Protein backbone atom coordinates (compact mmCIF):
# COMPACT_ATOMS: atom_id res chain seq x y z
CA MET A 1 -5.96 5.56 74.14
CA LYS A 2 -8.80 3.44 72.84
CA TYR A 3 -10.70 3.94 76.09
CA LYS A 4 -10.29 7.72 75.84
CA GLU A 5 -11.41 7.70 72.21
CA MET A 6 -14.46 5.62 73.10
CA LYS A 7 -15.33 7.92 75.98
CA SER A 8 -14.92 10.95 73.71
CA LYS A 9 -17.20 9.41 71.07
CA LYS A 10 -19.87 8.63 73.66
CA LEU A 11 -19.75 12.22 74.88
CA ILE A 12 -20.18 13.48 71.31
CA TYR A 13 -23.13 11.13 70.79
CA LYS A 14 -24.78 12.40 73.99
CA ILE A 15 -24.29 16.02 72.91
CA CYS A 16 -25.79 15.27 69.49
CA SER A 17 -28.72 13.50 71.17
CA ALA A 18 -29.35 16.52 73.40
CA LEU A 19 -29.11 18.94 70.47
CA CYS A 20 -31.68 16.92 68.49
CA ALA A 21 -33.96 16.88 71.54
CA ILE A 22 -33.65 20.66 71.80
CA VAL A 23 -34.50 21.05 68.10
CA LEU A 24 -37.54 18.80 68.58
CA ALA A 25 -38.72 20.83 71.58
CA ALA A 26 -38.25 24.06 69.61
CA LEU A 27 -40.27 22.72 66.68
CA LEU A 28 -43.11 21.67 68.95
CA PHE A 29 -43.05 24.85 71.02
CA SER A 30 -43.01 27.11 67.94
CA GLY A 31 -45.77 25.16 66.22
CA ALA A 32 -43.57 24.56 63.16
CA ALA A 33 -44.29 20.84 63.50
CA SER A 34 -46.88 18.89 65.41
CA LEU A 35 -47.54 15.45 66.83
CA SER A 36 -51.04 15.30 65.36
CA PRO A 37 -51.66 12.34 63.00
CA GLU A 38 -53.64 14.72 60.77
CA ASP A 39 -50.51 16.82 60.15
CA ASN A 40 -48.54 14.48 57.88
CA VAL A 41 -45.58 16.83 57.38
CA GLY A 42 -45.39 17.68 61.07
CA MET A 43 -45.64 13.99 61.99
CA THR A 44 -42.73 13.14 59.68
CA ILE A 45 -40.52 16.01 60.89
CA THR A 46 -41.07 15.43 64.61
CA ARG A 47 -40.58 11.66 64.34
CA ALA A 48 -37.42 12.09 62.22
CA VAL A 49 -35.83 14.54 64.67
CA GLY A 50 -36.97 12.49 67.66
CA ALA A 51 -35.57 9.33 66.08
CA ALA A 52 -32.21 11.05 65.46
CA SER A 53 -32.03 12.03 69.13
CA ILE A 54 -32.71 8.47 70.28
CA MET A 55 -30.34 6.92 67.73
CA PHE A 56 -27.49 9.06 69.05
CA LEU A 57 -28.45 7.90 72.55
CA ILE A 58 -28.27 4.25 71.41
CA ALA A 59 -24.79 4.95 70.04
CA ALA A 60 -23.79 6.54 73.36
CA PHE A 61 -24.98 3.42 75.22
CA GLY A 62 -22.83 1.32 72.92
CA TYR A 63 -25.61 -0.99 71.75
CA ARG A 64 -24.59 -2.78 68.57
CA ILE A 65 -27.83 -2.53 66.62
CA LEU A 66 -27.19 0.51 64.43
CA ALA A 67 -25.65 -1.16 61.38
CA PRO A 68 -28.26 -1.31 58.56
CA ILE A 69 -26.91 -4.69 57.39
CA PRO A 70 -24.80 -6.20 60.19
CA ARG A 71 -22.66 -9.30 59.85
CA GLY A 72 -24.82 -12.41 59.63
CA PHE A 73 -27.88 -10.46 58.43
CA LEU A 74 -28.35 -12.47 55.24
CA ARG A 75 -28.03 -15.73 57.16
CA ALA A 76 -30.69 -14.59 59.64
CA PHE A 77 -33.03 -13.09 57.02
CA PRO A 78 -34.99 -16.31 56.23
CA SER A 79 -35.94 -16.59 59.92
CA VAL A 80 -37.81 -13.25 59.80
CA LEU A 81 -39.79 -14.01 56.63
CA PRO A 82 -42.88 -14.99 58.69
CA CYS A 83 -42.79 -11.52 60.29
CA ILE A 84 -42.59 -9.92 56.85
CA ALA A 85 -45.68 -11.95 55.92
CA VAL A 86 -47.55 -10.41 58.87
CA ALA A 87 -46.62 -6.89 57.73
CA VAL A 88 -47.62 -7.47 54.11
CA ASN A 89 -50.86 -9.24 55.08
CA ASN A 90 -51.87 -6.00 56.82
CA LEU A 91 -52.60 -4.64 53.32
CA HIS A 92 -56.22 -5.92 53.25
CA ILE A 93 -55.23 -8.22 50.40
CA ILE A 94 -58.64 -9.79 49.87
CA ALA A 95 -60.47 -6.45 49.53
CA LEU A 96 -57.91 -5.24 46.97
CA ALA A 97 -57.89 -8.54 45.07
CA THR A 98 -61.69 -8.62 44.78
CA GLY A 99 -61.93 -4.96 43.71
CA ARG A 100 -63.90 -3.82 46.75
CA ALA A 101 -60.96 -1.59 47.67
CA THR A 102 -58.86 0.60 45.38
CA ILE A 103 -55.91 2.99 45.77
CA THR A 104 -56.87 6.43 44.46
CA ALA A 105 -53.70 8.39 45.33
CA ASP A 106 -50.92 9.05 42.83
CA THR A 107 -47.36 7.73 43.10
CA ARG A 108 -46.05 10.90 44.80
CA GLU A 109 -48.68 10.74 47.56
CA ILE A 110 -48.00 7.04 48.11
CA LEU A 111 -44.25 7.65 48.36
CA LEU A 112 -44.69 10.53 50.84
CA PHE A 113 -47.04 8.38 52.89
CA PHE A 114 -44.45 5.59 53.04
CA ILE A 115 -41.78 8.06 54.18
CA GLU A 116 -44.09 9.18 56.96
CA CYS A 117 -44.75 5.58 58.00
CA PHE A 118 -41.03 4.81 57.97
CA PHE A 119 -40.10 7.68 60.28
CA VAL A 120 -42.93 6.85 62.67
CA GLY A 121 -41.58 3.29 62.70
CA LEU A 122 -38.00 4.47 63.18
CA PHE A 123 -38.95 6.67 66.13
CA GLU A 124 -40.96 3.95 67.86
CA GLU A 125 -38.43 1.19 67.22
CA ALA A 126 -35.53 3.34 68.40
CA ALA A 127 -37.40 4.27 71.57
CA PHE A 128 -39.01 0.98 72.55
CA ARG A 129 -36.74 -1.68 71.06
CA GLY A 130 -33.51 0.32 70.83
CA VAL A 131 -33.59 1.82 74.34
CA VAL A 132 -36.30 0.38 76.62
CA GLN A 133 -35.85 -3.21 75.53
CA MET A 134 -32.05 -3.06 75.34
CA VAL A 135 -31.85 -1.62 78.88
CA LEU A 136 -34.09 -4.45 80.09
CA PHE A 137 -31.87 -6.99 78.30
CA GLU A 138 -28.88 -5.65 80.22
CA ARG A 139 -30.76 -5.77 83.53
CA ILE A 140 -32.53 -9.14 83.33
CA GLY A 141 -31.60 -10.73 80.00
CA ALA A 142 -29.01 -13.12 81.46
CA LYS A 143 -31.48 -14.64 83.94
CA LYS A 144 -33.61 -17.70 83.18
CA TYR A 145 -36.45 -16.57 80.94
CA GLY A 146 -34.98 -13.06 81.26
CA VAL A 147 -35.13 -12.43 77.53
CA PHE A 148 -38.79 -13.43 77.46
CA ALA A 149 -39.53 -11.16 80.44
CA ALA A 150 -37.67 -8.22 78.88
CA VAL A 151 -39.58 -8.59 75.61
CA PHE A 152 -42.90 -8.92 77.44
CA ILE A 153 -42.31 -5.80 79.56
CA SER A 154 -41.06 -3.62 76.69
CA SER A 155 -43.93 -4.77 74.46
CA ALA A 156 -46.43 -4.02 77.23
CA ILE A 157 -45.00 -0.51 77.64
CA PHE A 158 -45.19 -0.08 73.86
CA GLY A 159 -48.82 -1.17 73.82
CA VAL A 160 -49.88 0.99 76.76
CA SER A 161 -48.20 4.05 75.21
CA HIS A 162 -50.81 3.98 72.44
CA LEU A 163 -53.53 4.74 75.00
CA ALA A 164 -52.17 8.30 74.93
CA ASN A 165 -54.17 8.69 71.70
CA ILE A 166 -57.28 8.99 73.90
CA ILE A 167 -55.95 12.35 75.15
CA SER A 168 -55.92 13.69 71.58
CA GLY A 169 -59.56 12.70 71.11
CA ALA A 170 -59.27 9.17 69.69
CA ASP A 171 -62.06 6.69 70.34
CA VAL A 172 -61.49 4.79 73.60
CA GLY A 173 -62.44 1.38 72.18
CA ALA A 174 -60.25 1.84 69.11
CA SER A 175 -57.32 2.99 71.27
CA VAL A 176 -57.62 -0.04 73.56
CA LEU A 177 -57.70 -2.32 70.51
CA GLN A 178 -54.64 -0.55 69.10
CA ALA A 179 -52.83 -0.99 72.41
CA GLY A 180 -53.58 -4.72 72.28
CA TYR A 181 -52.27 -5.39 68.81
CA SER A 182 -49.33 -3.03 69.41
CA PHE A 183 -48.33 -5.26 72.31
CA LEU A 184 -48.36 -8.26 69.97
CA THR A 185 -46.50 -6.55 67.14
CA GLY A 186 -44.02 -5.21 69.70
CA GLY A 187 -43.10 -8.80 70.50
CA MET A 188 -42.70 -9.54 66.81
CA PHE A 189 -40.41 -6.55 66.23
CA SER A 190 -38.39 -7.60 69.28
CA TYR A 191 -37.83 -10.97 67.65
CA VAL A 192 -36.76 -9.28 64.41
CA LEU A 193 -34.25 -7.11 66.27
CA ILE A 194 -32.66 -10.07 68.04
CA ARG A 195 -32.40 -12.10 64.84
CA THR A 196 -31.11 -9.32 62.57
CA ARG A 197 -29.42 -7.01 65.11
CA SER A 198 -30.51 -4.07 62.95
CA ILE A 199 -32.80 -1.37 64.34
CA TRP A 200 -33.03 0.00 60.79
CA PHE A 201 -34.56 -3.21 59.47
CA CYS A 202 -37.00 -3.24 62.40
CA ALA A 203 -38.00 0.33 61.51
CA PHE A 204 -38.38 -0.60 57.84
CA LEU A 205 -40.61 -3.57 58.70
CA HIS A 206 -42.59 -1.43 61.16
CA GLY A 207 -43.03 1.15 58.40
CA ILE A 208 -44.27 -1.51 55.98
CA TYR A 209 -46.73 -2.77 58.60
CA ASN A 210 -48.17 0.71 59.16
CA PHE A 211 -48.08 1.56 55.45
CA CYS A 212 -49.99 -1.58 54.47
CA GLY A 213 -52.52 -1.15 57.26
CA TYR A 214 -53.36 2.49 56.54
CA LEU A 215 -52.86 2.65 52.75
CA VAL A 216 -56.46 1.91 51.78
CA PRO A 217 -58.12 3.92 54.61
CA GLU A 218 -55.85 6.94 54.01
CA LEU A 219 -55.24 6.88 50.25
CA GLY A 220 -57.97 4.73 48.80
CA GLU A 221 -61.65 3.92 48.62
CA VAL A 222 -63.56 0.90 49.81
CA SER A 223 -67.01 -0.44 49.10
CA GLY A 224 -68.37 -1.94 52.29
CA SER A 225 -66.14 -3.19 55.10
CA LEU A 226 -62.45 -4.00 54.80
CA TRP A 227 -62.82 -6.63 57.48
CA THR A 228 -64.79 -9.39 55.80
CA PRO A 229 -64.96 -12.84 57.43
CA ALA A 230 -62.35 -14.10 54.95
CA GLN A 231 -59.95 -11.25 55.78
CA ILE A 232 -60.44 -11.80 59.52
CA VAL A 233 -59.72 -15.53 59.20
CA LEU A 234 -56.63 -14.89 57.06
CA THR A 235 -55.25 -12.23 59.41
CA ALA A 236 -55.98 -14.26 62.55
CA SER A 237 -54.42 -17.41 61.06
CA VAL A 238 -51.21 -15.65 60.05
CA ALA A 239 -51.02 -13.88 63.44
CA VAL A 240 -51.50 -17.09 65.46
CA ILE A 241 -48.96 -19.08 63.44
CA VAL A 242 -46.31 -16.37 63.60
CA GLY A 243 -47.14 -15.67 67.25
CA ILE A 244 -46.44 -19.30 68.22
CA TYR A 245 -43.28 -19.25 66.11
CA VAL A 246 -41.98 -16.14 67.93
CA VAL A 247 -42.96 -17.25 71.46
CA VAL A 248 -41.24 -20.63 71.02
CA TYR A 249 -38.07 -18.79 70.02
CA PHE A 250 -38.19 -16.50 73.07
CA VAL A 251 -38.69 -19.40 75.46
CA LYS A 252 -35.64 -21.22 74.06
CA VAL A 253 -33.34 -18.30 73.15
CA ASN A 254 -29.92 -18.23 74.76
CA SER A 255 -28.65 -15.08 76.43
CA SER A 256 -25.58 -15.26 74.17
CA GLU A 257 -27.78 -13.91 71.39
CA ILE A 258 -28.40 -10.79 73.47
CA GLU A 259 -24.74 -10.38 74.32
CA LYS A 260 -23.97 -9.84 70.65
CA MET A 261 -25.97 -6.61 70.85
CA THR A 262 -25.07 -5.34 74.31
CA LEU A 263 -21.36 -6.02 74.74
């Protein structure tokens, strides 16, 4: 009976995933929503519907990463504090602290911008960590260094996907740079997912990272350059320290940690 109920639930999840995908296609085809970064409302709507489709697919696959606060989350939380530091440091702290940068938007605009960043994060985390990476974990995660390989491959795919911005007219150099740091942050979000087993927390942290990084350029003013030598040194130092911290974990991690999410 339990098997039949499980099979029935998976079928329902697949149907819901397909329906969301159809709604997304209809929105894009009709022009009611767009994928353009300049269309904030369209960006939020398409990412929210796309994320819903992928989340239902994750449920159909049976991956145990959908609980917002799973068992053991609070115990694991201290281990992801360095990753939270990376996200918050993306705020251009020095420029804001010295008064060279200011936020000119009102509270409503800031809140709407965070919602947009969250749904972009949810869509990308669901797709790349929730599906691509989890499938790779199932395929090669039990092998020696399999977890490391799965994270590397999924992060590489995540980074390369940002080169698609070139098609929409983005600067080639800026897109390549974005692909590079997306690869690195992809590895960081992979670590967060394994430690917390919550795709929602990954999406929230991803949203904070994007929100902090784009807040001043999108909703503020700056006198001079945001990237002063001091800001570059601070950002590079935090990135290197956390990068070593995450890589050491991936080299030593036991496949039993992955089994908690895939079985």
